[in-house]
Amino acid sequence: MSVVPAGALPAGVLTAEETVPPRPAALGPRARLWPSLAAVYRAQLSRARVARIPLLFVATFQSVGIMILMRGVVDGGGEARAVVAGSAVLVVAFVALNLLAQYFGQLRASGGLDHYATLPVPPAAVVLGAAGAYASFTVPGTVVTAAVGCALFGLPLAHLWILAAVIPLAGAALAGLGAALGLLAPRPELATLLGQLGMSAALLLGVLPPERMPEAVRVARDLLPSTYGVEAFARTFAPHPDWARVLGDLAVCGVVGVISLAVATWAYRRAAVR
């Protein structure tokens, strides 16, 4: 066995002790929120399209049926405005609150959150993408319900364009609440129950005229996120709408939507690591 002196080695050759350790591979850039949100939204929209469209017909038929029943009790005025506005927003509550609570409850119970946890997408993109996809299904039913209600009660159709603001803002508030309920519920059956209770609250507190409610029930009504979407829509039926109050109600919906979606994102992180 011969030993070669270190000085006899070529200048460009290093001994084993002098070799430079390999650098760790550079990680790819973090996924950005908006592209990830768009990808999750498209995926959720394509998956839920076939399964949710029949339920959208059910939600629309339910709201139209409620207005027909109330037509025999309510003649017009402020009560008719409340019935039409509440029935229209009820479509949003049925899909964005009830169905989304069931979806995330089942996703958590079946281990589906593990799939999303392995994807290079921010948690907020998962929650916002699913909420946006479910809320998108409410647009046709809400517009149809509002138009039918205006025809039943003789209300003007001139300001139905306000639904372009009511649907996304009320949908964000209710979808965030539904997602949070589904992710925080320990069992999918409880998530379904909570979603049904939330939709029932939107039905009873949103459709019924507030003038006929006891004071304690009115306080509970003010705590429901969909109430402010109902109020904003109902004010536009007046001969001279108070647009400042309409914008105020929409602003409350927006603030509640941001808070509820933030809580849902936290609940998603909490459920995904367990």
C-alpha atoms as a PDB file:
ATOM      1  CA  MET A   1       0.000   0.000   0.000  1.00  0.00           C
ATOM      2  CA  SER A   2       1.554   3.283  -1.109  1.00  0.00           C
ATOM      3  CA  VAL A   3       0.825   6.705   0.311  1.00  0.00           C
ATOM      4  CA  VAL A   4       0.900   9.705  -1.990  1.00  0.00           C
ATOM      5  CA  PRO A   5       1.986  12.925  -0.320  1.00  0.00           C
ATOM      6  CA  ALA A   6      -0.570  15.684  -0.346  1.00  0.00           C
ATOM      7  CA  GLY A   7       1.873  17.981  -2.109  1.00  0.00           C
ATOM      8  CA  ALA A   8       2.122  15.541  -4.987  1.00  0.00           C
ATOM      9  CA  LEU A   9      -1.576  15.830  -5.825  1.00  0.00           C
ATOM     10  CA  PRO A  10      -2.662  18.169  -8.578  1.00  0.00           C
ATOM     11  CA  ALA A  11      -3.749  21.600  -7.480  1.00  0.00           C
ATOM     12  CA  GLY A  12      -7.374  21.026  -8.478  1.00  0.00           C
ATOM     13  CA  VAL A  13      -7.796  17.767  -6.516  1.00  0.00           C
ATOM     14  CA  LEU A  14      -8.930  17.842  -2.870  1.00  0.00           C
ATOM     15  CA  THR A  15      -8.524  15.155  -0.259  1.00  0.00           C
ATOM     16  CA  ALA A  16     -11.575  13.513   1.317  1.00  0.00           C
ATOM     17  CA  GLU A  17     -11.316  15.717   4.393  1.00  0.00           C
ATOM     18  CA  GLU A  18     -11.192  18.856   2.281  1.00  0.00           C
ATOM     19  CA  THR A  19     -14.206  18.134   0.064  1.00  0.00           C
ATOM     20  CA  VAL A  20     -16.941  20.761   0.202  1.00  0.00           C
ATOM     21  CA  PRO A  21     -20.243  19.399   1.639  1.00  0.00           C
ATOM     22  CA  PRO A  22     -23.129  19.505  -0.846  1.00  0.00           C
ATOM     23  CA  ARG A  23     -25.542  22.370  -0.487  1.00  0.00           C
ATOM     24  CA  PRO A  24     -29.165  21.545   0.299  1.00  0.00           C
ATOM     25  CA  ALA A  25     -31.461  21.755  -2.691  1.00  0.00           C
ATOM     26  CA  ALA A  26     -33.273  25.056  -2.927  1.00  0.00           C
ATOM     27  CA  LEU A  27     -36.984  24.876  -2.254  1.00  0.00           C
ATOM     28  CA  GLY A  28     -39.430  26.087  -4.848  1.00  0.00           C
ATOM     29  CA  PRO A  29     -41.307  29.335  -4.335  1.00  0.00           C
ATOM     30  CA  ARG A  30     -44.286  29.238  -1.993  1.00  0.00           C
ATOM     31  CA  ALA A  31     -47.661  28.926  -3.654  1.00  0.00           C
ATOM     32  CA  ARG A  32     -49.347  32.286  -3.965  1.00  0.00           C
ATOM     33  CA  LEU A  33     -52.835  32.781  -2.568  1.00  0.00           C
ATOM     34  CA  TRP A  34     -54.757  33.950  -5.630  1.00  0.00           C
ATOM     35  CA  PRO A  35     -53.567  31.313  -8.139  1.00  0.00           C
ATOM     36  CA  SER A  36     -54.130  28.618  -5.496  1.00  0.00           C
ATOM     37  CA  LEU A  37     -57.566  30.035  -4.714  1.00  0.00           C
ATOM     38  CA  ALA A  38     -58.527  29.978  -8.402  1.00  0.00           C
ATOM     39  CA  ALA A  39     -57.353  26.362  -8.753  1.00  0.00           C
ATOM     40  CA  VAL A  40     -59.288  25.177  -5.692  1.00  0.00           C
ATOM     41  CA  TYR A  41     -62.364  27.128  -6.788  1.00  0.00           C
ATOM     42  CA  ARG A  42     -62.383  25.518 -10.249  1.00  0.00           C
ATOM     43  CA  ALA A  43     -61.847  22.049  -8.789  1.00  0.00           C
ATOM     44  CA  GLN A  44     -64.642  22.469  -6.234  1.00  0.00           C
ATOM     45  CA  LEU A  45     -66.977  23.935  -8.841  1.00  0.00           C
ATOM     46  CA  SER A  46     -66.507  21.008 -11.212  1.00  0.00           C
ATOM     47  CA  ARG A  47     -66.876  18.400  -8.466  1.00  0.00           C
ATOM     48  CA  ALA A  48     -69.953  19.909  -6.835  1.00  0.00           C
ATOM     49  CA  ARG A  49     -71.749  20.904 -10.021  1.00  0.00           C
ATOM     50  CA  VAL A  50     -73.557  17.613 -10.601  1.00  0.00           C
ATOM     51  CA  ALA A  51     -74.313  16.835  -6.952  1.00  0.00           C
ATOM     52  CA  ARG A  52     -75.405  20.310  -5.854  1.00  0.00           C
ATOM     53  CA  ILE A  53     -77.605  21.480  -8.720  1.00  0.00           C
ATOM     54  CA  PRO A  54     -80.582  19.302  -7.605  1.00  0.00           C
ATOM     55  CA  LEU A  55     -80.198  20.699  -4.100  1.00  0.00           C
ATOM     56  CA  LEU A  56     -80.226  24.205  -5.530  1.00  0.00           C
ATOM     57  CA  PHE A  57     -83.626  23.471  -7.077  1.00  0.00           C
ATOM     58  CA  VAL A  58     -84.782  22.271  -3.662  1.00  0.00           C
ATOM     59  CA  ALA A  59     -83.564  25.490  -2.020  1.00  0.00           C
ATOM     60  CA  THR A  60     -85.282  27.647  -4.642  1.00  0.00           C
ATOM     61  CA  PHE A  61     -88.523  25.674  -4.480  1.00  0.00           C
ATOM     62  CA  GLN A  62     -88.472  25.909  -0.679  1.00  0.00           C
ATOM     63  CA  SER A  63     -88.078  29.689  -0.713  1.00  0.00           C
ATOM     64  CA  VAL A  64     -90.754  30.188  -3.381  1.00  0.00           C
ATOM     65  CA  GLY A  65     -93.116  27.939  -1.406  1.00  0.00           C
ATOM     66  CA  ILE A  66     -92.568  29.993   1.740  1.00  0.00           C
ATOM     67  CA  MET A  67     -93.442  33.186  -0.119  1.00  0.00           C
ATOM     68  CA  ILE A  68     -96.616  31.630  -1.505  1.00  0.00           C
ATOM     69  CA  LEU A  69     -97.651  30.618   2.016  1.00  0.00           C
ATOM     70  CA  MET A  70     -96.850  34.063   3.389  1.00  0.00           C
ATOM     71  CA  ARG A  71     -98.839  35.690   0.592  1.00  0.00           C
ATOM     72  CA  GLY A  72    -102.024  34.683   2.385  1.00  0.00           C
ATOM     73  CA  VAL A  73    -100.857  36.390   5.592  1.00  0.00           C
ATOM     74  CA  VAL A  74     -98.934  39.432   4.393  1.00  0.00           C
ATOM     75  CA  ASP A  75    -100.569  41.950   2.087  1.00  0.00           C
ATOM     76  CA  GLY A  76     -97.771  44.409   1.359  1.00  0.00           C
ATOM     77  CA  GLY A  77     -95.680  47.189   2.796  1.00  0.00           C
ATOM     78  CA  GLY A  78     -92.631  46.572   4.964  1.00  0.00           C
ATOM     79  CA  GLU A  79     -93.707  43.044   5.823  1.00  0.00           C
ATOM     80  CA  ALA A  80     -93.819  42.017   2.156  1.00  0.00           C
ATOM     81  CA  ARG A  81     -90.345  43.461   1.640  1.00  0.00           C
ATOM     82  CA  ALA A  82     -89.024  41.438   4.579  1.00  0.00           C
ATOM     83  CA  VAL A  83     -90.600  38.217   3.279  1.00  0.00           C
ATOM     84  CA  VAL A  84     -89.182  38.585  -0.242  1.00  0.00           C
ATOM     85  CA  ALA A  85     -85.711  39.660   0.912  1.00  0.00           C
ATOM     86  CA  GLY A  86     -85.567  36.944   3.578  1.00  0.00           C
ATOM     87  CA  SER A  87     -86.681  34.231   1.170  1.00  0.00           C
ATOM     88  CA  ALA A  88     -84.059  35.262  -1.387  1.00  0.00           C
ATOM     89  CA  VAL A  89     -81.228  35.238   1.179  1.00  0.00           C
ATOM     90  CA  LEU A  90     -82.532  31.902   2.496  1.00  0.00           C
ATOM     91  CA  VAL A  91     -81.307  30.282  -0.732  1.00  0.00           C
ATOM     92  CA  VAL A  92     -77.819  31.527   0.128  1.00  0.00           C
ATOM     93  CA  ALA A  93     -78.126  30.193   3.674  1.00  0.00           C
ATOM     94  CA  PHE A  94     -79.277  26.758   2.484  1.00  0.00           C
ATOM     95  CA  VAL A  95     -76.241  26.268   0.259  1.00  0.00           C
ATOM     96  CA  ALA A  96     -73.478  28.375   1.819  1.00  0.00           C
ATOM     97  CA  LEU A  97     -74.214  27.552   5.455  1.00  0.00           C
ATOM     98  CA  ASN A  98     -76.032  24.222   5.549  1.00  0.00           C
ATOM     99  CA  LEU A  99     -74.353  22.320   2.722  1.00  0.00           C
ATOM    100  CA  LEU A 100     -70.873  23.705   3.413  1.00  0.00           C
ATOM    101  CA  ALA A 101     -71.083  22.655   7.068  1.00  0.00           C
ATOM    102  CA  GLN A 102     -72.006  19.147   5.935  1.00  0.00           C
ATOM    103  CA  TYR A 103     -69.220  19.088   3.334  1.00  0.00           C
ATOM    104  CA  PHE A 104     -66.412  20.050   5.705  1.00  0.00           C
ATOM    105  CA  GLY A 105     -67.794  17.798   8.433  1.00  0.00           C
ATOM    106  CA  GLN A 106     -67.697  14.799   6.093  1.00  0.00           C
ATOM    107  CA  LEU A 107     -64.306  15.842   4.722  1.00  0.00           C
ATOM    108  CA  ARG A 108     -62.835  15.908   8.195  1.00  0.00           C
ATOM    109  CA  ALA A 109     -64.384  12.586   9.206  1.00  0.00           C
ATOM    110  CA  SER A 110     -63.276  10.766   6.035  1.00  0.00           C
ATOM    111  CA  GLY A 111     -59.681  12.003   6.167  1.00  0.00           C
ATOM    112  CA  GLY A 112     -60.103  14.200   3.112  1.00  0.00           C
ATOM    113  CA  LEU A 113     -58.306  17.042   4.859  1.00  0.00           C
ATOM    114  CA  ASP A 114     -55.107  14.969   4.623  1.00  0.00           C
ATOM    115  CA  HIS A 115     -55.294  15.263   0.842  1.00  0.00           C
ATOM    116  CA  TYR A 116     -55.538  19.045   0.973  1.00  0.00           C
ATOM    117  CA  ALA A 117     -52.768  19.190   3.581  1.00  0.00           C
ATOM    118  CA  THR A 118     -50.343  17.580   1.108  1.00  0.00           C
ATOM    119  CA  LEU A 119     -51.094  20.120  -1.620  1.00  0.00           C
ATOM    120  CA  PRO A 120     -48.836  23.195  -1.946  1.00  0.00           C
ATOM    121  CA  VAL A 121     -51.707  25.604  -1.359  1.00  0.00           C
ATOM    122  CA  PRO A 122     -52.297  27.971   1.570  1.00  0.00           C
ATOM    123  CA  PRO A 123     -55.053  26.970   4.001  1.00  0.00           C
ATOM    124  CA  ALA A 124     -56.951  30.156   3.200  1.00  0.00           C
ATOM    125  CA  ALA A 125     -57.145  29.104  -0.463  1.00  0.00           C
ATOM    126  CA  VAL A 126     -58.846  25.822   0.475  1.00  0.00           C
ATOM    127  CA  VAL A 127     -61.469  27.508   2.647  1.00  0.00           C
ATOM    128  CA  LEU A 128     -62.092  30.439   0.310  1.00  0.00           C
ATOM    129  CA  GLY A 129     -62.155  28.238  -2.793  1.00  0.00           C
ATOM    130  CA  ALA A 130     -64.732  25.857  -1.349  1.00  0.00           C
ATOM    131  CA  ALA A 131     -66.806  28.717   0.078  1.00  0.00           C
ATOM    132  CA  GLY A 132     -66.748  30.569  -3.232  1.00  0.00           C
ATOM    133  CA  ALA A 133     -67.737  27.488  -5.210  1.00  0.00           C
ATOM    134  CA  TYR A 134     -70.708  26.736  -2.980  1.00  0.00           C
ATOM    135  CA  ALA A 135     -71.797  30.370  -2.894  1.00  0.00           C
ATOM    136  CA  SER A 136     -71.702  30.497  -6.702  1.00  0.00           C
ATOM    137  CA  PHE A 137     -74.505  27.941  -6.882  1.00  0.00           C
ATOM    138  CA  THR A 138     -76.824  30.312  -5.054  1.00  0.00           C
ATOM    139  CA  VAL A 139     -76.862  33.017  -7.751  1.00  0.00           C
ATOM    140  CA  PRO A 140     -79.563  31.581 -10.079  1.00  0.00           C
ATOM    141  CA  GLY A 141     -81.855  30.495  -7.244  1.00  0.00           C
ATOM    142  CA  THR A 142     -81.569  33.807  -5.412  1.00  0.00           C
ATOM    143  CA  VAL A 143     -82.362  35.835  -8.534  1.00  0.00           C
ATOM    144  CA  VAL A 144     -85.333  33.609  -9.443  1.00  0.00           C
ATOM    145  CA  THR A 145     -86.686  33.753  -5.882  1.00  0.00           C
ATOM    146  CA  ALA A 146     -86.397  37.550  -5.776  1.00  0.00           C
ATOM    147  CA  ALA A 147     -88.109  37.962  -9.152  1.00  0.00           C
ATOM    148  CA  VAL A 148     -90.966  35.613  -8.233  1.00  0.00           C
ATOM    149  CA  GLY A 149     -91.384  37.370  -4.882  1.00  0.00           C
ATOM    150  CA  CYS A 150     -91.596  40.779  -6.531  1.00  0.00           C
ATOM    151  CA  ALA A 151     -94.300  39.453  -8.845  1.00  0.00           C
ATOM    152  CA  LEU A 152     -96.255  37.890  -5.949  1.00  0.00           C
ATOM    153  CA  PHE A 153     -96.213  40.977  -3.721  1.00  0.00           C
ATOM    154  CA  GLY A 154     -96.170  43.689  -6.371  1.00  0.00           C
ATOM    155  CA  LEU A 155     -92.712  45.004  -5.479  1.00  0.00           C
ATOM    156  CA  PRO A 156     -90.513  46.914  -7.947  1.00  0.00           C
ATOM    157  CA  LEU A 157     -87.825  45.107  -9.915  1.00  0.00           C
ATOM    158  CA  ALA A 158     -85.724  48.225 -10.503  1.00  0.00           C
ATOM    159  CA  HIS A 159     -83.143  47.571  -7.787  1.00  0.00           C
ATOM    160  CA  LEU A 160     -82.599  43.832  -8.122  1.00  0.00           C
ATOM    161  CA  TRP A 161     -79.059  44.671  -9.201  1.00  0.00           C
ATOM    162  CA  ILE A 162     -78.237  45.051  -5.497  1.00  0.00           C
ATOM    163  CA  LEU A 163     -78.152  41.244  -5.392  1.00  0.00           C
ATOM    164  CA  ALA A 164     -74.750  41.508  -7.089  1.00  0.00           C
ATOM    165  CA  ALA A 165     -73.488  42.821  -3.739  1.00  0.00           C
ATOM    166  CA  VAL A 166     -75.849  40.996  -1.376  1.00  0.00           C
ATOM    167  CA  ILE A 167     -75.084  37.494  -2.673  1.00  0.00           C
ATOM    168  CA  PRO A 168     -71.263  37.568  -2.347  1.00  0.00           C
ATOM    169  CA  LEU A 169     -71.225  39.480   0.946  1.00  0.00           C
ATOM    170  CA  ALA A 170     -73.976  37.487   2.665  1.00  0.00           C
ATOM    171  CA  GLY A 171     -72.575  34.343   1.042  1.00  0.00           C
ATOM    172  CA  ALA A 172     -69.111  35.024   2.461  1.00  0.00           C
ATOM    173  CA  ALA A 173     -70.491  35.546   5.970  1.00  0.00           C
ATOM    174  CA  LEU A 174     -72.655  32.413   5.853  1.00  0.00           C
ATOM    175  CA  ALA A 175     -70.069  30.268   4.059  1.00  0.00           C
ATOM    176  CA  GLY A 176     -67.420  31.147   6.605  1.00  0.00           C
ATOM    177  CA  LEU A 177     -69.817  30.263   9.401  1.00  0.00           C
ATOM    178  CA  GLY A 178     -70.776  26.987   7.724  1.00  0.00           C
ATOM    179  CA  ALA A 179     -67.152  26.001   7.103  1.00  0.00           C
ATOM    180  CA  ALA A 180     -66.218  26.799  10.701  1.00  0.00           C
ATOM    181  CA  LEU A 181     -69.116  24.720  12.036  1.00  0.00           C
ATOM    182  CA  GLY A 182     -68.154  21.761   9.849  1.00  0.00           C
ATOM    183  CA  LEU A 183     -64.461  21.920  10.777  1.00  0.00           C
ATOM    184  CA  LEU A 184     -64.976  22.433  14.513  1.00  0.00           C
ATOM    185  CA  ALA A 185     -67.687  19.804  14.970  1.00  0.00           C
ATOM    186  CA  PRO A 186     -66.173  16.593  16.391  1.00  0.00           C
ATOM    187  CA  ARG A 187     -68.521  14.370  14.342  1.00  0.00           C
ATOM    188  CA  PRO A 188     -70.091  14.771  10.891  1.00  0.00           C
ATOM    189  CA  GLU A 189     -73.558  14.176  12.328  1.00  0.00           C
ATOM    190  CA  LEU A 190     -73.085  17.152  14.630  1.00  0.00           C
ATOM    191  CA  ALA A 191     -71.870  19.274  11.711  1.00  0.00           C
ATOM    192  CA  THR A 192     -75.034  18.372   9.792  1.00  0.00           C
ATOM    193  CA  LEU A 193     -77.171  19.247  12.820  1.00  0.00           C
ATOM    194  CA  LEU A 194     -75.456  22.600  13.296  1.00  0.00           C
ATOM    195  CA  GLY A 195     -75.861  23.413   9.614  1.00  0.00           C
ATOM    196  CA  GLN A 196     -79.569  22.583   9.768  1.00  0.00           C
ATOM    197  CA  LEU A 197     -80.012  24.704  12.881  1.00  0.00           C
ATOM    198  CA  GLY A 198     -78.238  27.624  11.224  1.00  0.00           C
ATOM    199  CA  MET A 199     -80.448  27.391   8.162  1.00  0.00           C
ATOM    200  CA  SER A 200     -83.548  27.157  10.361  1.00  0.00           C
ATOM    201  CA  ALA A 201     -82.444  30.303  12.188  1.00  0.00           C
ATOM    202  CA  ALA A 202     -82.016  32.076   8.845  1.00  0.00           C
ATOM    203  CA  LEU A 203     -85.501  30.911   7.890  1.00  0.00           C
ATOM    204  CA  LEU A 204     -87.318  31.920  11.063  1.00  0.00           C
ATOM    205  CA  LEU A 205     -85.394  35.122  11.794  1.00  0.00           C
ATOM    206  CA  GLY A 206     -84.927  36.274   8.215  1.00  0.00           C
ATOM    207  CA  VAL A 207     -88.230  35.559   6.504  1.00  0.00           C
ATOM    208  CA  LEU A 208     -90.653  36.532   9.264  1.00  0.00           C
ATOM    209  CA  PRO A 209     -91.294  40.292   9.527  1.00  0.00           C
ATOM    210  CA  PRO A 210     -89.283  41.716  12.457  1.00  0.00           C
ATOM    211  CA  GLU A 211     -92.193  43.924  13.551  1.00  0.00           C
ATOM    212  CA  ARG A 212     -94.057  40.840  14.775  1.00  0.00           C
ATOM    213  CA  MET A 213     -91.137  39.402  16.746  1.00  0.00           C
ATOM    214  CA  PRO A 214     -90.593  39.731  20.526  1.00  0.00           C
ATOM    215  CA  GLU A 215     -87.716  41.921  21.624  1.00  0.00           C
ATOM    216  CA  ALA A 216     -85.550  38.963  22.679  1.00  0.00           C
ATOM    217  CA  VAL A 217     -85.971  37.352  19.264  1.00  0.00           C
ATOM    218  CA  ARG A 218     -85.021  40.613  17.562  1.00  0.00           C
ATOM    219  CA  VAL A 219     -81.745  40.612  19.495  1.00  0.00           C
ATOM    220  CA  ALA A 220     -81.016  37.086  18.259  1.00  0.00           C
ATOM    221  CA  ARG A 221     -81.934  38.220  14.751  1.00  0.00           C
ATOM    222  CA  ASP A 222     -79.355  41.003  14.916  1.00  0.00           C
ATOM    223  CA  LEU A 223     -76.660  38.442  15.737  1.00  0.00           C
ATOM    224  CA  LEU A 224     -77.351  36.390  12.593  1.00  0.00           C
ATOM    225  CA  PRO A 225     -74.990  37.350   9.725  1.00  0.00           C
ATOM    226  CA  SER A 226     -77.651  36.964   7.036  1.00  0.00           C
ATOM    227  CA  THR A 227     -79.885  39.545   8.725  1.00  0.00           C
ATOM    228  CA  TYR A 228     -77.870  42.435   7.332  1.00  0.00           C
ATOM    229  CA  GLY A 229     -78.071  41.072   3.804  1.00  0.00           C
ATOM    230  CA  VAL A 230     -81.841  40.776   4.226  1.00  0.00           C
ATOM    231  CA  GLU A 231     -82.087  44.324   5.555  1.00  0.00           C
ATOM    232  CA  ALA A 232     -79.963  45.735   2.744  1.00  0.00           C
ATOM    233  CA  PHE A 233     -82.071  44.024   0.090  1.00  0.00           C
ATOM    234  CA  ALA A 234     -85.391  44.908   1.753  1.00  0.00           C
ATOM    235  CA  ARG A 235     -84.515  48.623   1.941  1.00  0.00           C
ATOM    236  CA  THR A 236     -84.155  48.809  -1.845  1.00  0.00           C
ATOM    237  CA  PHE A 237     -87.891  48.099  -2.302  1.00  0.00           C
ATOM    238  CA  ALA A 238     -88.795  51.443  -0.725  1.00  0.00           C
ATOM    239  CA  PRO A 239     -89.950  54.241  -3.056  1.00  0.00           C
ATOM    240  CA  HIS A 240     -86.868  56.244  -2.061  1.00  0.00           C
ATOM    241  CA  PRO A 241     -84.233  53.812  -0.690  1.00  0.00           C
ATOM    242  CA  ASP A 242     -81.909  55.026   2.030  1.00  0.00           C
ATOM    243  CA  TRP A 243     -78.674  54.077   0.283  1.00  0.00           C
ATOM    244  CA  ALA A 244     -76.518  55.079   3.235  1.00  0.00           C
ATOM    245  CA  ARG A 245     -78.218  52.455   5.401  1.00  0.00           C
ATOM    246  CA  VAL A 246     -78.057  49.934   2.559  1.00  0.00           C
ATOM    247  CA  LEU A 247     -74.298  50.444   2.302  1.00  0.00           C
ATOM    248  CA  GLY A 248     -74.012  50.227   6.083  1.00  0.00           C
ATOM    249  CA  ASP A 249     -75.776  46.859   6.154  1.00  0.00           C
ATOM    250  CA  LEU A 250     -73.579  45.585   3.316  1.00  0.00           C
ATOM    251  CA  ALA A 251     -70.481  46.785   5.169  1.00  0.00           C
ATOM    252  CA  VAL A 252     -71.532  44.802   8.244  1.00  0.00           C
ATOM    253  CA  CYS A 253     -71.970  41.737   6.027  1.00  0.00           C
ATOM    254  CA  GLY A 254     -68.487  42.254   4.623  1.00  0.00           C
ATOM    255  CA  VAL A 255     -66.860  42.612   8.041  1.00  0.00           C
ATOM    256  CA  VAL A 256     -68.648  39.520   9.372  1.00  0.00           C
ATOM    257  CA  GLY A 257     -67.606  37.647   6.230  1.00  0.00           C
ATOM    258  CA  VAL A 258     -63.934  38.481   6.758  1.00  0.00           C
ATOM    259  CA  ILE A 259     -64.106  37.433  10.415  1.00  0.00           C
ATOM    260  CA  SER A 260     -66.008  34.195   9.755  1.00  0.00           C
ATOM    261  CA  LEU A 261     -63.681  33.166   6.920  1.00  0.00           C
ATOM    262  CA  ALA A 262     -60.662  33.903   9.129  1.00  0.00           C
ATOM    263  CA  VAL A 263     -62.153  31.685  11.849  1.00  0.00           C
ATOM    264  CA  ALA A 264     -62.824  28.973   9.259  1.00  0.00           C
ATOM    265  CA  THR A 265     -59.198  29.172   8.060  1.00  0.00           C
ATOM    266  CA  TRP A 266     -57.974  28.787  11.648  1.00  0.00           C
ATOM    267  CA  ALA A 267     -60.340  25.846  12.139  1.00  0.00           C
ATOM    268  CA  TYR A 268     -58.987  24.246   8.949  1.00  0.00           C
ATOM    269  CA  ARG A 269     -55.389  24.525  10.189  1.00  0.00           C
ATOM    270  CA  ARG A 270     -56.449  23.102  13.537  1.00  0.00           C
ATOM    271  CA  ALA A 271     -58.273  20.155  11.970  1.00  0.00           C
ATOM    272  CA  ALA A 272     -55.576  19.439   9.363  1.00  0.00           C
ATOM    273  CA  VAL A 273     -52.786  18.885  11.912  1.00  0.00           C
ATOM    274  CA  ARG A 274     -54.771  16.427  14.000  1.00  0.00           C
END
